[in-house]
Amino acid sequence: MEFDPMLIFAPLLGLLLAITCAAVVCVVALCRAERTDVVATVRALPDLVATFLRHRRKKR
């Protein structure tokens, strides 16, 4: 069986593309939002991360 490098690079390229698209969507959403919405969203991020981490620990 011959090794095909595309079997490794294609999923990595897809993941990179997905992360880039998500980042662009987030930046555009923050730029279009009103200032008060942006401040409230940024202040809520640490709580959101803590919630995801707690949820992830419960699964294990």
Protein backbone atom coordinates (compact mmCIF):
# COMPACT_ATOMS: atom_id res chain seq x y z
CA MET A 1 0.00 0.00 0.00
CA GLU A 2 1.42 3.33 -1.06
CA PHE A 3 1.33 6.34 1.31
CA ASP A 4 -0.74 9.25 0.04
CA PRO A 5 0.25 12.58 1.66
CA MET A 6 -3.15 14.03 0.84
CA LEU A 7 -4.69 11.77 3.49
CA ILE A 8 -2.91 13.89 6.11
CA PHE A 9 -2.94 17.32 4.50
CA ALA A 10 -6.56 17.43 3.32
CA PRO A 11 -8.14 17.20 6.81
CA LEU A 12 -5.58 19.68 8.20
CA LEU A 13 -6.34 22.09 5.38
CA GLY A 14 -10.08 21.71 6.03
CA LEU A 15 -9.58 22.39 9.74
CA LEU A 16 -7.47 25.46 9.00
CA LEU A 17 -10.11 26.73 6.59
CA ALA A 18 -12.87 26.17 9.17
CA ILE A 19 -10.95 28.04 11.89
CA THR A 20 -10.21 30.91 9.51
CA CYS A 21 -13.86 31.21 8.46
CA ALA A 22 -15.04 31.14 12.09
CA ALA A 23 -12.53 33.86 13.00
CA VAL A 24 -13.66 36.05 10.09
CA VAL A 25 -17.32 35.62 11.05
CA CYS A 26 -16.56 36.56 14.66
CA VAL A 27 -14.55 39.66 13.68
CA VAL A 28 -17.24 40.83 11.26
CA ALA A 29 -19.96 40.29 13.88
CA LEU A 30 -17.99 42.28 16.46
CA CYS A 31 -17.36 45.10 13.98
CA ARG A 32 -21.04 45.36 13.06
CA ALA A 33 -22.33 45.21 16.64
CA GLU A 34 -22.98 48.24 18.75
CA ARG A 35 -20.31 49.13 21.29
CA THR A 36 -22.43 48.18 24.29
CA ASP A 37 -23.10 44.74 22.81
CA VAL A 38 -19.38 44.18 22.18
CA VAL A 39 -18.46 45.15 25.74
CA ALA A 40 -21.12 42.85 27.18
CA THR A 41 -19.99 39.99 24.95
CA VAL A 42 -16.31 40.37 25.84
CA ARG A 43 -17.15 40.53 29.55
CA ALA A 44 -19.18 37.31 29.25
CA LEU A 45 -16.40 35.31 27.55
CA PRO A 46 -14.59 34.16 30.73
CA ASP A 47 -17.86 32.82 32.16
CA LEU A 48 -18.59 31.05 28.89
CA VAL A 49 -15.15 29.41 28.83
CA ALA A 50 -15.54 28.32 32.47
CA THR A 51 -18.91 26.77 31.66
CA PHE A 52 -17.48 24.82 28.71
CA LEU A 53 -14.58 23.59 30.82
CA ARG A 54 -16.92 22.40 33.59
CA HIS A 55 -19.11 20.63 31.04
CA ARG A 56 -16.07 18.98 29.49
CA ARG A 57 -14.79 17.74 32.86
CA LYS A 58 -18.19 16.18 33.65
CA LYS A 59 -18.02 14.04 30.50
CA ARG A 60 -14.73 12.43 31.54
